[in-house]
């Protein structure tokens, strides 16, 4: 832990703390984490998200809207379908870190 503590630039962290807190607040919702995990590495249409998630259409729409306004996801329209994908590379990094911190033990036990 000492090496990590010595490698952190506290002034830089303080300067970026509000942006980091806002980013983490947006991710700090179980539904948004699941939605983003479905988008990890691929583009997905709203209809497929709705089918694969246990979340109402209105709640899904609200979460996607918030994540879009925060710049975490982007959209592409094809005819009447709207496709979402992860826009901010920090999202993928945080999803992988979250998986590593909270799911790796379960993965090891399953093997």
PDB file of N, CA and C in Angstrom:
ATOM      1  N   UNK A   1       0.819  -1.194   0.000  1.00  0.00           N
ATOM      2  CA  UNK A   1       0.000   0.000   0.000  1.00  0.00           C
ATOM      3  C   UNK A   1       0.865   1.261   0.000  1.00  0.00           C
ATOM      4  N   UNK A   2       2.023   1.195   0.619  1.00  0.00           N
ATOM      5  CA  UNK A   2       2.888   2.362   0.696  1.00  0.00           C
ATOM      6  C   UNK A   2       3.320   2.820  -0.691  1.00  0.00           C
ATOM      7  N   UNK A   3       3.682   1.887  -1.572  1.00  0.00           N
ATOM      8  CA  UNK A   3       4.094   2.266  -2.924  1.00  0.00           C
ATOM      9  C   UNK A   3       2.975   2.993  -3.653  1.00  0.00           C
ATOM     10  N   UNK A   4       1.752   2.512  -3.513  1.00  0.00           N
ATOM     11  CA  UNK A   4       0.612   3.153  -4.159  1.00  0.00           C
ATOM     12  C   UNK A   4       0.396   4.547  -3.587  1.00  0.00           C
ATOM     13  N   UNK A   5       0.444   4.678  -2.281  1.00  0.00           N
ATOM     14  CA  UNK A   5       0.249   5.982  -1.642  1.00  0.00           C
ATOM     15  C   UNK A   5       1.309   6.979  -2.088  1.00  0.00           C
ATOM     16  N   UNK A   6       2.516   6.520  -2.277  1.00  0.00           N
ATOM     17  CA  UNK A   6       3.593   7.407  -2.722  1.00  0.00           C
ATOM     18  C   UNK A   6       3.452   7.798  -4.190  1.00  0.00           C
ATOM     19  N   UNK A   7       2.744   7.001  -4.969  1.00  0.00           N
ATOM     20  CA  UNK A   7       2.629   7.284  -6.400  1.00  0.00           C
ATOM     21  C   UNK A   7       1.447   8.189  -6.742  1.00  0.00           C
ATOM     22  N   UNK A   8       0.602   8.495  -5.771  1.00  0.00           N
ATOM     23  CA  UNK A   8      -0.565   9.344  -6.016  1.00  0.00           C
ATOM     24  C   UNK A   8      -0.194  10.814  -5.844  1.00  0.00           C
ATOM     25  N   UNK A   9      -0.484  11.594  -6.856  1.00  0.00           N
ATOM     26  CA  UNK A   9      -0.289  13.041  -6.812  1.00  0.00           C
ATOM     27  C   UNK A   9      -1.542  13.634  -6.169  1.00  0.00           C
ATOM     28  N   UNK A  10      -1.454  13.966  -4.895  1.00  0.00           N
ATOM     29  CA  UNK A  10      -2.621  14.424  -4.144  1.00  0.00           C
ATOM     30  C   UNK A  10      -3.191  15.737  -4.670  1.00  0.00           C
ATOM     31  N   UNK A  11      -2.338  16.621  -5.138  1.00  0.00           N
ATOM     32  CA  UNK A  11      -2.837  17.887  -5.695  1.00  0.00           C
ATOM     33  C   UNK A  11      -3.653  17.638  -6.962  1.00  0.00           C
ATOM     34  N   UNK A  12      -3.153  16.763  -7.810  1.00  0.00           N
ATOM     35  CA  UNK A  12      -3.871  16.429  -9.040  1.00  0.00           C
ATOM     36  C   UNK A  12      -5.196  15.738  -8.713  1.00  0.00           C
ATOM     37  N   UNK A  13      -5.160  14.857  -7.724  1.00  0.00           N
ATOM     38  CA  UNK A  13      -6.383  14.175  -7.298  1.00  0.00           C
ATOM     39  C   UNK A  13      -7.403  15.181  -6.778  1.00  0.00           C
ATOM     40  N   UNK A  14      -6.946  16.130  -5.994  1.00  0.00           N
ATOM     41  CA  UNK A  14      -7.850  17.150  -5.464  1.00  0.00           C
ATOM     42  C   UNK A  14      -8.449  17.997  -6.591  1.00  0.00           C
ATOM     43  N   UNK A  15      -7.644  18.350  -7.573  1.00  0.00           N
ATOM     44  CA  UNK A  15      -8.136  19.146  -8.705  1.00  0.00           C
ATOM     45  C   UNK A  15      -9.213  18.406  -9.509  1.00  0.00           C
ATOM     46  N   UNK A  16      -9.103  17.091  -9.559  1.00  0.00           N
ATOM     47  CA  UNK A  16     -10.031  16.283 -10.350  1.00  0.00           C
ATOM     48  C   UNK A  16     -11.089  15.583  -9.509  1.00  0.00           C
ATOM     49  N   UNK A  17     -11.145  15.885  -8.221  1.00  0.00           N
ATOM     50  CA  UNK A  17     -12.040  15.149  -7.323  1.00  0.00           C
ATOM     51  C   UNK A  17     -13.520  15.349  -7.642  1.00  0.00           C
ATOM     52  N   UNK A  18     -13.914  16.543  -8.059  1.00  0.00           N
ATOM     53  CA  UNK A  18     -15.332  16.774  -8.376  1.00  0.00           C
ATOM     54  C   UNK A  18     -15.752  15.982  -9.613  1.00  0.00           C
ATOM     55  N   UNK A  19     -14.898  15.995 -10.634  1.00  0.00           N
ATOM     56  CA  UNK A  19     -15.199  15.223 -11.849  1.00  0.00           C
ATOM     57  C   UNK A  19     -15.257  13.729 -11.529  1.00  0.00           C
ATOM     58  N   UNK A  20     -14.312  13.261 -10.718  1.00  0.00           N
ATOM     59  CA  UNK A  20     -14.298  11.846 -10.341  1.00  0.00           C
ATOM     60  C   UNK A  20     -15.544  11.475  -9.546  1.00  0.00           C
ATOM     61  N   UNK A  21     -15.930  12.333  -8.616  1.00  0.00           N
ATOM     62  CA  UNK A  21     -17.121  12.064  -7.803  1.00  0.00           C
ATOM     63  C   UNK A  21     -18.376  12.025  -8.664  1.00  0.00           C
ATOM     64  N   UNK A  22     -18.504  12.950  -9.607  1.00  0.00           N
ATOM     65  CA  UNK A  22     -19.661  12.947 -10.508  1.00  0.00           C
ATOM     66  C   UNK A  22     -19.700  11.672 -11.350  1.00  0.00           C
ATOM     67  N   UNK A  23     -18.555  11.270 -11.859  1.00  0.00           N
ATOM     68  CA  UNK A  23     -18.457  10.047 -12.656  1.00  0.00           C
ATOM     69  C   UNK A  23     -18.880   8.836 -11.823  1.00  0.00           C
ATOM     70  N   UNK A  24     -18.346   8.746 -10.615  1.00  0.00           N
ATOM     71  CA  UNK A  24     -18.669   7.612  -9.748  1.00  0.00           C
ATOM     72  C   UNK A  24     -20.129   7.626  -9.309  1.00  0.00           C
ATOM     73  N   UNK A  25     -20.704   8.805  -9.099  1.00  0.00           N
ATOM     74  CA  UNK A  25     -22.132   8.902  -8.749  1.00  0.00           C
ATOM     75  C   UNK A  25     -23.000   8.323  -9.857  1.00  0.00           C
ATOM     76  N   UNK A  26     -22.637   8.611 -11.090  1.00  0.00           N
ATOM     77  CA  UNK A  26     -23.410   8.090 -12.213  1.00  0.00           C
ATOM     78  C   UNK A  26     -23.314   6.570 -12.272  1.00  0.00           C
ATOM     79  N   UNK A  27     -22.168   6.024 -11.955  1.00  0.00           N
ATOM     80  CA  UNK A  27     -21.997   4.571 -11.966  1.00  0.00           C
ATOM     81  C   UNK A  27     -22.583   3.900 -10.728  1.00  0.00           C
ATOM     82  N   UNK A  28     -22.829   4.662  -9.684  1.00  0.00           N
ATOM     83  CA  UNK A  28     -23.240   4.107  -8.387  1.00  0.00           C
ATOM     84  C   UNK A  28     -24.724   3.752  -8.352  1.00  0.00           C
ATOM     85  N   UNK A  29     -25.137   2.933  -9.301  1.00  0.00           N
ATOM     86  CA  UNK A  29     -26.516   2.465  -9.365  1.00  0.00           C
ATOM     87  C   UNK A  29     -26.475   1.074  -9.980  1.00  0.00           C
ATOM     88  N   UNK A  30     -27.077   0.106  -9.312  1.00  0.00           N
ATOM     89  CA  UNK A  30     -26.980  -1.275  -9.792  1.00  0.00           C
ATOM     90  C   UNK A  30     -27.576  -1.443 -11.185  1.00  0.00           C
ATOM     91  N   UNK A  31     -28.669  -0.767 -11.479  1.00  0.00           N
ATOM     92  CA  UNK A  31     -29.261  -0.881 -12.820  1.00  0.00           C
ATOM     93  C   UNK A  31     -28.332  -0.319 -13.887  1.00  0.00           C
ATOM     94  N   UNK A  32     -27.708   0.820 -13.600  1.00  0.00           N
ATOM     95  CA  UNK A  32     -26.798   1.400 -14.586  1.00  0.00           C
ATOM     96  C   UNK A  32     -25.568   0.510 -14.793  1.00  0.00           C
ATOM     97  N   UNK A  33     -25.078  -0.110 -13.723  1.00  0.00           N
ATOM     98  CA  UNK A  33     -23.944  -1.027 -13.870  1.00  0.00           C
ATOM     99  C   UNK A  33     -24.307  -2.208 -14.763  1.00  0.00           C
ATOM    100  N   UNK A  34     -25.505  -2.751 -14.577  1.00  0.00           N
ATOM    101  CA  UNK A  34     -25.940  -3.887 -15.393  1.00  0.00           C
ATOM    102  C   UNK A  34     -26.140  -3.457 -16.846  1.00  0.00           C
ATOM    103  N   UNK A  35     -26.750  -2.306 -17.053  1.00  0.00           N
ATOM    104  CA  UNK A  35     -26.942  -1.792 -18.419  1.00  0.00           C
ATOM    105  C   UNK A  35     -25.585  -1.625 -19.101  1.00  0.00           C
ATOM    106  N   UNK A  36     -24.657  -0.986 -18.417  1.00  0.00           N
ATOM    107  CA  UNK A  36     -23.334  -0.755 -18.998  1.00  0.00           C
ATOM    108  C   UNK A  36     -22.606  -2.067 -19.260  1.00  0.00           C
ATOM    109  N   UNK A  37     -22.782  -3.048 -18.382  1.00  0.00           N
ATOM    110  CA  UNK A  37     -22.120  -4.337 -18.602  1.00  0.00           C
ATOM    111  C   UNK A  37     -22.659  -5.018 -19.855  1.00  0.00           C
ATOM    112  N   UNK A  38     -23.938  -4.794 -20.170  1.00  0.00           N
ATOM    113  CA  UNK A  38     -24.525  -5.335 -21.408  1.00  0.00           C
ATOM    114  C   UNK A  38     -23.960  -4.631 -22.642  1.00  0.00           C
ATOM    115  N   UNK A  39     -23.476  -3.426 -22.467  1.00  0.00           N
ATOM    116  CA  UNK A  39     -22.906  -2.661 -23.580  1.00  0.00           C
ATOM    117  C   UNK A  39     -21.398  -2.869 -23.717  1.00  0.00           C
ATOM    118  N   UNK A  40     -20.808  -3.569 -22.773  1.00  0.00           N
ATOM    119  CA  UNK A  40     -19.359  -3.742 -22.754  1.00  0.00           C
ATOM    120  C   UNK A  40     -18.879  -4.425 -24.039  1.00  0.00           C
ATOM    121  N   UNK A  41     -18.120  -3.695 -24.812  1.00  0.00           N
ATOM    122  CA  UNK A  41     -17.526  -4.242 -26.022  1.00  0.00           C
ATOM    123  C   UNK A  41     -18.450  -4.363 -27.217  1.00  0.00           C
ATOM    124  N   UNK A  42     -19.691  -3.886 -27.086  1.00  0.00           N
ATOM    125  CA  UNK A  42     -20.598  -4.000 -28.235  1.00  0.00           C
ATOM    126  C   UNK A  42     -21.682  -2.939 -28.181  1.00  0.00           C
ATOM    127  N   UNK A  43     -22.289  -2.757 -29.310  1.00  0.00           N
ATOM    128  CA  UNK A  43     -23.407  -1.837 -29.461  1.00  0.00           C
ATOM    129  C   UNK A  43     -24.690  -2.666 -29.336  1.00  0.00           C
ATOM    130  N   UNK A  44     -25.688  -2.126 -28.638  1.00  0.00           N
ATOM    131  CA  UNK A  44     -26.928  -2.870 -28.405  1.00  0.00           C
ATOM    132  C   UNK A  44     -28.119  -1.946 -28.560  1.00  0.00           C
ATOM    133  N   UNK A  45     -29.181  -2.459 -29.170  1.00  0.00           N
ATOM    134  CA  UNK A  45     -30.381  -1.641 -29.337  1.00  0.00           C
ATOM    135  C   UNK A  45     -31.214  -1.670 -28.054  1.00  0.00           C
ATOM    136  N   UNK A  46     -32.010  -0.649 -27.884  1.00  0.00           N
ATOM    137  CA  UNK A  46     -32.823  -0.497 -26.679  1.00  0.00           C
ATOM    138  C   UNK A  46     -33.732  -1.703 -26.482  1.00  0.00           C
ATOM    139  N   UNK A  47     -34.319  -2.200 -27.563  1.00  0.00           N
ATOM    140  CA  UNK A  47     -35.218  -3.351 -27.463  1.00  0.00           C
ATOM    141  C   UNK A  47     -34.533  -4.568 -26.877  1.00  0.00           C
ATOM    142  N   UNK A  48     -33.286  -4.826 -27.290  1.00  0.00           N
ATOM    143  CA  UNK A  48     -32.539  -5.963 -26.746  1.00  0.00           C
ATOM    144  C   UNK A  48     -32.188  -5.742 -25.283  1.00  0.00           C
ATOM    145  N   UNK A  49     -31.842  -4.520 -24.926  1.00  0.00           N
ATOM    146  CA  UNK A  49     -31.569  -4.222 -23.518  1.00  0.00           C
ATOM    147  C   UNK A  49     -32.809  -4.489 -22.679  1.00  0.00           C
ATOM    148  N   UNK A  50     -33.943  -4.041 -23.172  1.00  0.00           N
ATOM    149  CA  UNK A  50     -35.196  -4.209 -22.441  1.00  0.00           C
ATOM    150  C   UNK A  50     -35.530  -5.688 -22.257  1.00  0.00           C
ATOM    151  N   UNK A  51     -35.308  -6.498 -23.300  1.00  0.00           N
ATOM    152  CA  UNK A  51     -35.594  -7.940 -23.223  1.00  0.00           C
ATOM    153  C   UNK A  51     -34.686  -8.650 -22.229  1.00  0.00           C
ATOM    154  N   UNK A  52     -33.420  -8.235 -22.179  1.00  0.00           N
ATOM    155  CA  UNK A  52     -32.421  -8.950 -21.387  1.00  0.00           C
ATOM    156  C   UNK A  52     -32.259  -8.457 -19.958  1.00  0.00           C
ATOM    157  N   UNK A  53     -32.899  -7.362 -19.620  1.00  0.00           N
ATOM    158  CA  UNK A  53     -32.757  -6.801 -18.279  1.00  0.00           C
ATOM    159  C   UNK A  53     -34.089  -6.840 -17.554  1.00  0.00           C
ATOM    160  N   UNK A  54     -34.036  -7.021 -16.280  1.00  0.00           N
ATOM    161  CA  UNK A  54     -35.243  -7.029 -15.456  1.00  0.00           C
ATOM    162  C   UNK A  54     -35.510  -5.606 -14.967  1.00  0.00           C
ATOM    163  N   UNK A  55     -35.862  -4.738 -15.910  1.00  0.00           N
ATOM    164  CA  UNK A  55     -36.064  -3.327 -15.600  1.00  0.00           C
ATOM    165  C   UNK A  55     -37.161  -2.794 -16.526  1.00  0.00           C
ATOM    166  N   UNK A  56     -37.990  -1.928 -16.005  1.00  0.00           N
ATOM    167  CA  UNK A  56     -39.088  -1.390 -16.814  1.00  0.00           C
ATOM    168  C   UNK A  56     -38.546  -0.513 -17.940  1.00  0.00           C
ATOM    169  N   UNK A  57     -39.348  -0.366 -18.978  1.00  0.00           N
ATOM    170  CA  UNK A  57     -38.945   0.443 -20.128  1.00  0.00           C
ATOM    171  C   UNK A  57     -38.696   1.885 -19.717  1.00  0.00           C
ATOM    172  N   UNK A  58     -39.542   2.422 -18.845  1.00  0.00           N
ATOM    173  CA  UNK A  58     -39.370   3.824 -18.441  1.00  0.00           C
ATOM    174  C   UNK A  58     -38.103   4.010 -17.608  1.00  0.00           C
ATOM    175  N   UNK A  59     -37.820   3.068 -16.721  1.00  0.00           N
ATOM    176  CA  UNK A  59     -36.596   3.158 -15.917  1.00  0.00           C
ATOM    177  C   UNK A  59     -35.362   3.023 -16.810  1.00  0.00           C
ATOM    178  N   UNK A  60     -35.412   2.088 -17.755  1.00  0.00           N
ATOM    179  CA  UNK A  60     -34.304   1.911 -18.693  1.00  0.00           C
ATOM    180  C   UNK A  60     -34.057   3.201 -19.467  1.00  0.00           C
ATOM    181  N   UNK A  61     -35.125   3.802 -19.941  1.00  0.00           N
ATOM    182  CA  UNK A  61     -35.024   5.049 -20.696  1.00  0.00           C
ATOM    183  C   UNK A  61     -34.400   6.159 -19.856  1.00  0.00           C
ATOM    184  N   UNK A  62     -34.805   6.261 -18.594  1.00  0.00           N
ATOM    185  CA  UNK A  62     -34.249   7.293 -17.706  1.00  0.00           C
ATOM    186  C   UNK A  62     -32.757   7.073 -17.469  1.00  0.00           C
ATOM    187  N   UNK A  63     -32.376   5.811 -17.224  1.00  0.00           N
ATOM    188  CA  UNK A  63     -30.960   5.512 -16.986  1.00  0.00           C
ATOM    189  C   UNK A  63     -30.124   5.801 -18.233  1.00  0.00           C
ATOM    190  N   UNK A  64     -30.610   5.374 -19.394  1.00  0.00           N
ATOM    191  CA  UNK A  64     -29.876   5.620 -20.634  1.00  0.00           C
ATOM    192  C   UNK A  64     -29.755   7.113 -20.913  1.00  0.00           C
ATOM    193  N   UNK A  65     -30.823   7.848 -20.647  1.00  0.00           N
ATOM    194  CA  UNK A  65     -30.808   9.296 -20.855  1.00  0.00           C
ATOM    195  C   UNK A  65     -29.774   9.968 -19.959  1.00  0.00           C
ATOM    196  N   UNK A  66     -29.738   9.570 -18.704  1.00  0.00           N
ATOM    197  CA  UNK A  66     -28.758  10.159 -17.781  1.00  0.00           C
ATOM    198  C   UNK A  66     -27.337   9.834 -18.227  1.00  0.00           C
ATOM    199  N   UNK A  67     -27.101   8.571 -18.586  1.00  0.00           N
ATOM    200  CA  UNK A  67     -25.749   8.186 -18.986  1.00  0.00           C
ATOM    201  C   UNK A  67     -25.339   8.870 -20.288  1.00  0.00           C
ATOM    202  N   UNK A  68     -26.294   9.112 -21.154  1.00  0.00           N
ATOM    203  CA  UNK A  68     -25.996   9.830 -22.397  1.00  0.00           C
ATOM    204  C   UNK A  68     -25.662  11.293 -22.097  1.00  0.00           C
ATOM    205  N   UNK A  69     -26.448  11.923 -21.234  1.00  0.00           N
ATOM    206  CA  UNK A  69     -26.187  13.331 -20.902  1.00  0.00           C
ATOM    207  C   UNK A  69     -24.868  13.505 -20.157  1.00  0.00           C
ATOM    208  N   UNK A  70     -24.442  12.468 -19.444  1.00  0.00           N
ATOM    209  CA  UNK A  70     -23.157  12.513 -18.724  1.00  0.00           C
ATOM    210  C   UNK A  70     -21.983  12.148 -19.637  1.00  0.00           C
ATOM    211  N   UNK A  71     -22.275  11.743 -20.867  1.00  0.00           N
ATOM    212  CA  UNK A  71     -21.216  11.408 -21.816  1.00  0.00           C
ATOM    213  C   UNK A  71     -20.660  10.008 -21.676  1.00  0.00           C
ATOM    214  N   UNK A  72     -21.356   9.142 -20.939  1.00  0.00           N
ATOM    215  CA  UNK A  72     -20.861   7.779 -20.751  1.00  0.00           C
ATOM    216  C   UNK A  72     -21.197   6.876 -21.929  1.00  0.00           C
ATOM    217  N   UNK A  73     -22.348   7.128 -22.563  1.00  0.00           N
ATOM    218  CA  UNK A  73     -22.770   6.328 -23.711  1.00  0.00           C
ATOM    219  C   UNK A  73     -23.118   7.257 -24.872  1.00  0.00           C
ATOM    220  N   UNK A  74     -23.127   6.693 -26.057  1.00  0.00           N
ATOM    221  CA  UNK A  74     -23.563   7.439 -27.237  1.00  0.00           C
ATOM    222  C   UNK A  74     -24.579   6.591 -27.990  1.00  0.00           C
ATOM    223  N   UNK A  75     -25.273   7.226 -28.917  1.00  0.00           N
ATOM    224  CA  UNK A  75     -26.330   6.535 -29.650  1.00  0.00           C
ATOM    225  C   UNK A  75     -26.096   6.612 -31.149  1.00  0.00           C
ATOM    226  N   UNK A  76     -26.743   5.671 -31.813  1.00  0.00           N
ATOM    227  CA  UNK A  76     -26.782   5.658 -33.267  1.00  0.00           C
ATOM    228  C   UNK A  76     -28.181   5.199 -33.652  1.00  0.00           C
ATOM    229  N   UNK A  77     -28.809   5.937 -34.542  1.00  0.00           N
ATOM    230  CA  UNK A  77     -30.161   5.582 -34.983  1.00  0.00           C
ATOM    231  C   UNK A  77     -30.072   4.849 -36.319  1.00  0.00           C
ATOM    232  N   UNK A  78     -30.801   3.750 -36.389  1.00  0.00           N
ATOM    233  CA  UNK A  78     -30.930   2.998 -37.635  1.00  0.00           C
ATOM    234  C   UNK A  78     -32.410   2.731 -37.834  1.00  0.00           C
ATOM    235  N   UNK A  79     -32.996   3.444 -38.746  1.00  0.00           N
ATOM    236  CA  UNK A  79     -34.445   3.367 -38.965  1.00  0.00           C
ATOM    237  C   UNK A  79     -35.136   3.810 -37.682  1.00  0.00           C
ATOM    238  N   UNK A  80     -35.931   2.927 -37.077  1.00  0.00           N
ATOM    239  CA  UNK A  80     -36.621   3.302 -35.842  1.00  0.00           C
ATOM    240  C   UNK A  80     -35.915   2.784 -34.597  1.00  0.00           C
ATOM    241  N   UNK A  81     -34.815   2.067 -34.776  1.00  0.00           N
ATOM    242  CA  UNK A  81     -34.087   1.529 -33.628  1.00  0.00           C
ATOM    243  C   UNK A  81     -32.980   2.484 -33.205  1.00  0.00           C
ATOM    244  N   UNK A  82     -32.766   2.535 -31.897  1.00  0.00           N
ATOM    245  CA  UNK A  82     -31.666   3.324 -31.343  1.00  0.00           C
ATOM    246  C   UNK A  82     -30.680   2.351 -30.714  1.00  0.00           C
ATOM    247  N   UNK A  83     -29.435   2.465 -31.122  1.00  0.00           N
ATOM    248  CA  UNK A  83     -28.376   1.619 -30.608  1.00  0.00           C
ATOM    249  C   UNK A  83     -27.508   2.428 -29.652  1.00  0.00           C
ATOM    250  N   UNK A  84     -27.137   1.807 -28.544  1.00  0.00           N
ATOM    251  CA  UNK A  84     -26.272   2.441 -27.551  1.00  0.00           C
ATOM    252  C   UNK A  84     -24.937   1.722 -27.510  1.00  0.00           C
ATOM    253  N   UNK A  85     -23.909   2.487 -27.207  1.00  0.00           N
ATOM    254  CA  UNK A  85     -22.577   1.921 -26.982  1.00  0.00           C
ATOM    255  C   UNK A  85     -21.867   2.776 -25.941  1.00  0.00           C
ATOM    256  N   UNK A  86     -20.889   2.189 -25.301  1.00  0.00           N
ATOM    257  CA  UNK A  86     -20.097   2.928 -24.321  1.00  0.00           C
ATOM    258  C   UNK A  86     -19.213   3.918 -25.073  1.00  0.00           C
ATOM    259  N   UNK A  87     -19.251   5.158 -24.636  1.00  0.00           N
ATOM    260  CA  UNK A  87     -18.477   6.234 -25.273  1.00  0.00           C
ATOM    261  C   UNK A  87     -17.205   6.554 -24.489  1.00  0.00           C
ATOM    262  N   UNK A  88     -17.323   6.591 -23.179  1.00  0.00           N
ATOM    263  CA  UNK A  88     -16.216   6.994 -22.310  1.00  0.00           C
ATOM    264  C   UNK A  88     -15.383   5.758 -21.945  1.00  0.00           C
ATOM    265  N   UNK A  89     -14.114   5.705 -22.340  1.00  0.00           N
ATOM    266  CA  UNK A  89     -13.283   4.530 -22.045  1.00  0.00           C
ATOM    267  C   UNK A  89     -13.095   4.271 -20.549  1.00  0.00           C
ATOM    268  N   UNK A  90     -13.312   5.297 -19.732  1.00  0.00           N
ATOM    269  CA  UNK A  90     -13.198   5.091 -18.280  1.00  0.00           C
ATOM    270  C   UNK A  90     -14.286   4.152 -17.778  1.00  0.00           C
ATOM    271  N   UNK A  91     -15.421   4.109 -18.476  1.00  0.00           N
ATOM    272  CA  UNK A  91     -16.514   3.218 -18.080  1.00  0.00           C
ATOM    273  C   UNK A  91     -16.063   1.769 -18.186  1.00  0.00           C
ATOM    274  N   UNK A  92     -15.449   1.414 -19.303  1.00  0.00           N
ATOM    275  CA  UNK A  92     -14.975   0.042 -19.475  1.00  0.00           C
ATOM    276  C   UNK A  92     -13.935  -0.305 -18.416  1.00  0.00           C
ATOM    277  N   UNK A  93     -13.028   0.622 -18.143  1.00  0.00           N
ATOM    278  CA  UNK A  93     -12.010   0.384 -17.117  1.00  0.00           C
ATOM    279  C   UNK A  93     -12.651   0.161 -15.751  1.00  0.00           C
ATOM    280  N   UNK A  94     -13.663   0.967 -15.419  1.00  0.00           N
ATOM    281  CA  UNK A  94     -14.339   0.823 -14.121  1.00  0.00           C
ATOM    282  C   UNK A  94     -15.149  -0.465 -14.050  1.00  0.00           C
ATOM    283  N   UNK A  95     -15.778  -0.865 -15.147  1.00  0.00           N
ATOM    284  CA  UNK A  95     -16.520  -2.125 -15.153  1.00  0.00           C
ATOM    285  C   UNK A  95     -15.585  -3.306 -14.937  1.00  0.00           C
ATOM    286  N   UNK A  96     -14.438  -3.283 -15.603  1.00  0.00           N
ATOM    287  CA  UNK A  96     -13.469  -4.363 -15.426  1.00  0.00           C
ATOM    288  C   UNK A  96     -12.913  -4.378 -14.010  1.00  0.00           C
ATOM    289  N   UNK A  97     -12.635  -3.210 -13.455  1.00  0.00           N
ATOM    290  CA  UNK A  97     -12.157  -3.128 -12.080  1.00  0.00           C
ATOM    291  C   UNK A  97     -13.231  -3.599 -11.106  1.00  0.00           C
ATOM    292  N   UNK A  98     -14.471  -3.191 -11.333  1.00  0.00           N
ATOM    293  CA  UNK A  98     -15.582  -3.617 -10.482  1.00  0.00           C
ATOM    294  C   UNK A  98     -15.720  -5.131 -10.523  1.00  0.00           C
ATOM    295  N   UNK A  99     -15.630  -5.707 -11.711  1.00  0.00           N
ATOM    296  CA  UNK A  99     -15.705  -7.159 -11.842  1.00  0.00           C
ATOM    297  C   UNK A  99     -14.564  -7.822 -11.076  1.00  0.00           C
ATOM    298  N   UNK A 100     -13.370  -7.287 -11.245  1.00  0.00           N
ATOM    299  CA  UNK A 100     -12.198  -7.841 -10.568  1.00  0.00           C
ATOM    300  C   UNK A 100     -12.353  -7.778  -9.050  1.00  0.00           C
ATOM    301  N   UNK A 101     -12.853  -6.661  -8.544  1.00  0.00           N
ATOM    302  CA  UNK A 101     -12.980  -6.481  -7.098  1.00  0.00           C
ATOM    303  C   UNK A 101     -14.128  -7.274  -6.485  1.00  0.00           C
ATOM    304  N   UNK A 102     -15.224  -7.458  -7.224  1.00  0.00           N
ATOM    305  CA  UNK A 102     -16.415  -8.042  -6.633  1.00  0.00           C
ATOM    306  C   UNK A 102     -16.805  -9.407  -7.182  1.00  0.00           C
ATOM    307  N   UNK A 103     -16.215  -9.844  -8.280  1.00  0.00           N
ATOM    308  CA  UNK A 103     -16.663 -11.093  -8.908  1.00  0.00           C
ATOM    309  C   UNK A 103     -15.567 -12.135  -9.084  1.00  0.00           C
ATOM    310  N   UNK A 104     -14.322 -11.778  -8.985  1.00  0.00           N
ATOM    311  CA  UNK A 104     -13.237 -12.733  -9.219  1.00  0.00           C
ATOM    312  C   UNK A 104     -13.276 -13.895  -8.241  1.00  0.00           C
ATOM    313  N   UNK A 105     -13.587 -13.632  -6.984  1.00  0.00           N
ATOM    314  CA  UNK A 105     -13.638 -14.695  -5.984  1.00  0.00           C
ATOM    315  C   UNK A 105     -14.712 -15.707  -6.354  1.00  0.00           C
ATOM    316  N   UNK A 106     -15.867 -15.222  -6.790  1.00  0.00           N
ATOM    317  CA  UNK A 106     -16.946 -16.107  -7.213  1.00  0.00           C
ATOM    318  C   UNK A 106     -16.510 -16.947  -8.405  1.00  0.00           C
ATOM    319  N   UNK A 107     -15.762 -16.351  -9.319  1.00  0.00           N
ATOM    320  CA  UNK A 107     -15.284 -17.058 -10.491  1.00  0.00           C
ATOM    321  C   UNK A 107     -14.323 -18.168 -10.078  1.00  0.00           C
ATOM    322  N   UNK A 108     -13.420 -17.876  -9.157  1.00  0.00           N
ATOM    323  CA  UNK A 108     -12.457 -18.872  -8.689  1.00  0.00           C
ATOM    324  C   UNK A 108     -13.158 -20.018  -7.966  1.00  0.00           C
ATOM    325  N   UNK A 109     -14.188 -19.723  -7.178  1.00  0.00           N
ATOM    326  CA  UNK A 109     -14.922 -20.760  -6.463  1.00  0.00           C
ATOM    327  C   UNK A 109     -15.705 -21.650  -7.418  1.00  0.00           C
ATOM    328  N   UNK A 110     -16.159 -21.090  -8.533  1.00  0.00           N
ATOM    329  CA  UNK A 110     -16.940 -21.861  -9.498  1.00  0.00           C
ATOM    330  C   UNK A 110     -16.068 -22.862 -10.257  1.00  0.00           C
ATOM    331  N   UNK A 111     -14.768 -22.599 -10.327  1.00  0.00           N
ATOM    332  CA  UNK A 111     -13.858 -23.487 -11.083  1.00  0.00           C
ATOM    333  C   UNK A 111     -13.483 -24.684 -10.302  1.00  0.00           C
TER     334      UNK A 111
END
